[in-house]
Amino acid sequence: MFKTRLPFILLSFLVIGALVIASFSGKSVEINPSYRTSSMHDLFLTHKEDGAIRWELSAEKALIPIDQENIFLNDLTLRINRQPNIFLTSGSGTYQVEDGDITLNKPVELTMENSTFSTNTIKWNRADEFISTDDDVQFTGRKFKITGIGLSAQLGNEQVRIMNDVKAVFYR
């Protein structure tokens, strides 16, 4: 009985195998270039100049496209090593590999000593140490609250400018 069914079983496996092989063509397996990426979890980058760490970037997840021009980040923290230290946190962002600039997206929070700054997006220009946004901004501290639209901050000379609709409340 087994010997009479053996050719039928072998023929069935052969037909199934041929169908599986025929269903895969070279074109169906090709990767579309826009989907060629690598990813990392728990990314940590440091930038050193003259032997000192200038800034540290950590992200829960990083997506690195094949062109490697930008790295797309989720749940990130940027620490700028200055006096006082500046901490930027964000839900997502983009790190530009060539120039080191970083764009942070909703929600963005900057903490420095006893003050907090919040906005929807912020751009960090590494070379010029310049932070900017065109969105609504809010600074809060122990004895003040300042709101407005747009911001530019030059860290080298510690100048911060809120561009429009500035409102300030100071507490005793």
Protein backbone atom coordinates (compact mmCIF):
# COMPACT_ATOMS: atom_id res chain seq x y z
CA MET A 1 0.00 0.00 0.00
CA PHE A 2 2.82 2.43 0.89
CA LYS A 3 4.68 1.50 -2.32
CA THR A 4 1.65 2.32 -4.46
CA ARG A 5 1.23 5.76 -2.85
CA LEU A 6 4.95 6.68 -2.90
CA PRO A 7 4.94 7.93 -6.53
CA PHE A 8 1.81 10.00 -5.79
CA ILE A 9 3.39 11.55 -2.68
CA LEU A 10 6.65 12.33 -4.51
CA LEU A 11 4.73 13.80 -7.45
CA SER A 12 2.70 15.98 -5.02
CA PHE A 13 5.87 17.35 -3.38
CA LEU A 14 7.39 17.98 -6.80
CA VAL A 15 4.29 19.91 -8.00
CA ILE A 16 4.09 21.95 -4.78
CA GLY A 17 7.82 22.74 -5.00
CA ALA A 18 7.50 23.78 -8.65
CA LEU A 19 4.54 26.07 -7.81
CA VAL A 20 6.45 27.69 -4.94
CA ILE A 21 9.51 28.29 -7.13
CA ALA A 22 7.38 29.59 -10.02
CA SER A 23 5.56 32.05 -7.75
CA PHE A 24 8.86 33.83 -6.92
CA SER A 25 10.16 35.93 -9.77
CA GLY A 26 13.21 38.16 -9.50
CA LYS A 27 11.07 41.28 -9.71
CA SER A 28 8.85 40.39 -6.76
CA VAL A 29 11.86 40.19 -4.45
CA GLU A 30 13.51 43.48 -5.49
CA ILE A 31 13.76 46.16 -2.82
CA ASN A 32 12.45 49.57 -3.78
CA PRO A 33 15.32 52.05 -3.18
CA SER A 34 13.09 54.34 -1.10
CA TYR A 35 12.64 51.50 1.39
CA ARG A 36 16.31 50.63 1.83
CA THR A 37 17.10 51.55 5.38
CA SER A 38 18.85 50.41 8.48
CA SER A 39 17.68 51.04 12.01
CA MET A 40 19.14 51.15 15.50
CA HIS A 41 17.71 51.12 18.97
CA ASP A 42 19.23 53.08 21.85
CA LEU A 43 21.47 55.27 19.69
CA PHE A 44 24.10 57.41 21.48
CA LEU A 45 26.28 59.94 19.61
CA THR A 46 28.90 62.30 21.02
CA HIS A 47 30.64 65.20 19.29
CA LYS A 48 34.13 66.14 20.49
CA GLU A 49 36.16 69.23 19.71
CA ASP A 50 39.63 69.80 21.15
CA GLY A 51 39.28 66.70 23.32
CA ALA A 52 36.11 67.95 25.04
CA ILE A 53 32.60 66.58 24.47
CA ARG A 54 30.58 69.47 23.00
CA TRP A 55 27.24 67.65 22.80
CA GLU A 56 25.65 64.22 23.31
CA LEU A 57 22.65 62.88 21.43
CA SER A 58 20.66 59.85 22.51
CA ALA A 59 17.57 58.41 20.83
CA GLU A 60 15.33 55.41 21.48
CA LYS A 61 15.24 54.59 17.76
CA ALA A 62 17.14 55.75 14.69
CA LEU A 63 16.23 55.10 11.06
CA ILE A 64 19.16 55.42 8.64
CA PRO A 65 18.26 55.58 4.92
CA ILE A 66 20.71 54.11 2.41
CA ASP A 67 21.89 57.60 1.32
CA GLN A 68 22.96 58.27 4.95
CA GLU A 69 22.45 62.05 4.56
CA ASN A 70 19.97 62.25 7.44
CA ILE A 71 19.25 60.05 10.42
CA PHE A 72 15.62 60.09 11.57
CA LEU A 73 15.27 59.85 15.35
CA ASN A 74 12.47 59.02 17.81
CA ASP A 75 12.29 59.96 21.51
CA LEU A 76 15.54 61.84 21.65
CA THR A 77 17.57 63.88 24.10
CA LEU A 78 20.31 66.34 23.18
CA ARG A 79 22.70 67.54 25.88
CA ILE A 80 24.74 70.63 24.99
CA ASN A 81 27.75 70.81 27.29
CA ARG A 82 27.99 74.48 28.22
CA GLN A 83 27.75 76.35 31.48
CA PRO A 84 24.98 75.80 32.41
CA ASN A 85 24.19 72.50 30.66
CA ILE A 86 21.33 72.62 28.18
CA PHE A 87 19.01 69.62 27.74
CA LEU A 88 16.69 69.36 24.72
CA THR A 89 14.09 66.58 24.54
CA SER A 90 11.83 65.80 21.63
CA GLY A 91 9.39 63.24 20.28
CA SER A 92 11.22 63.03 16.96
CA GLY A 93 13.95 64.71 14.98
CA THR A 94 16.46 64.62 12.15
CA TYR A 95 20.25 64.58 12.42
CA GLN A 96 22.05 65.83 9.30
CA VAL A 97 25.19 63.73 9.04
CA GLU A 98 27.37 66.05 6.96
CA ASP A 99 27.02 69.27 8.95
CA GLY A 100 25.81 67.94 12.32
CA ASP A 101 22.69 70.11 12.41
CA ILE A 102 19.65 68.76 14.25
CA THR A 103 15.93 69.50 13.79
CA LEU A 104 13.64 68.54 16.67
CA ASN A 105 9.86 68.05 16.33
CA LYS A 106 6.79 67.89 18.61
CA PRO A 107 6.99 68.21 21.49
CA VAL A 108 10.26 70.04 22.14
CA GLU A 109 11.38 71.00 25.63
CA LEU A 110 14.60 72.75 26.58
CA THR A 111 15.70 72.74 30.20
CA MET A 112 18.45 74.95 31.58
CA GLU A 113 19.01 75.37 35.33
CA ASN A 114 15.61 76.33 36.76
CA SER A 115 14.00 77.38 33.47
CA THR A 116 12.02 75.44 30.88
CA PHE A 117 11.39 76.37 27.27
CA SER A 118 8.80 74.60 25.10
CA THR A 119 7.77 74.75 21.45
CA ASN A 120 6.69 72.49 18.55
CA THR A 121 9.91 72.49 16.49
CA ILE A 122 13.44 73.75 16.92
CA LYS A 123 16.54 73.81 14.73
CA TRP A 124 20.07 73.50 16.14
CA ASN A 125 22.90 74.76 13.91
CA ARG A 126 26.01 73.09 15.31
CA ALA A 127 28.62 75.21 13.53
CA ASP A 128 27.14 78.55 14.64
CA GLU A 129 25.74 77.26 17.97
CA PHE A 130 22.43 78.79 16.93
CA ILE A 131 18.92 77.65 17.96
CA SER A 132 15.81 78.87 16.12
CA THR A 133 12.08 78.26 15.65
CA ASP A 134 9.13 80.00 13.99
CA ASP A 135 6.55 78.34 16.28
CA ASP A 136 4.87 79.50 19.49
CA VAL A 137 7.34 79.52 22.39
CA GLN A 138 7.00 79.54 26.15
CA PHE A 139 9.66 80.12 28.82
CA THR A 140 8.80 79.32 32.42
CA GLY A 141 10.84 79.70 35.55
CA ARG A 142 10.28 79.99 39.28
CA LYS A 143 9.30 83.65 39.04
CA PHE A 144 8.33 84.26 35.41
CA LYS A 145 6.44 83.12 32.34
CA ILE A 146 7.24 84.50 28.88
CA THR A 147 5.33 83.59 25.69
CA GLY A 148 5.69 84.63 22.07
CA ILE A 149 6.07 83.50 18.48
CA GLY A 150 9.46 82.60 17.01
CA LEU A 151 12.85 82.51 18.66
CA SER A 152 16.51 82.88 17.79
CA ALA A 153 19.28 82.15 20.28
CA GLN A 154 23.01 82.56 19.78
CA LEU A 155 24.61 80.39 22.47
CA GLY A 156 28.13 81.74 22.01
CA ASN A 157 27.21 85.23 23.21
CA GLU A 158 24.13 84.11 25.20
CA GLN A 159 21.64 86.20 23.22
CA VAL A 160 18.01 85.05 23.04
CA ARG A 161 15.36 86.87 21.06
CA ILE A 162 11.63 86.14 20.90
CA MET A 163 10.49 87.48 17.55
CA ASN A 164 6.76 88.41 17.85
CA ASP A 165 3.80 88.80 20.24
CA VAL A 166 5.95 88.75 23.39
CA LYS A 167 4.04 88.59 26.69
CA ALA A 168 5.76 88.35 30.05
CA VAL A 169 4.45 87.77 33.57
CA PHE A 170 6.76 88.05 36.58
CA TYR A 171 5.86 86.69 40.01
CA ARG A 172 7.00 87.82 43.44
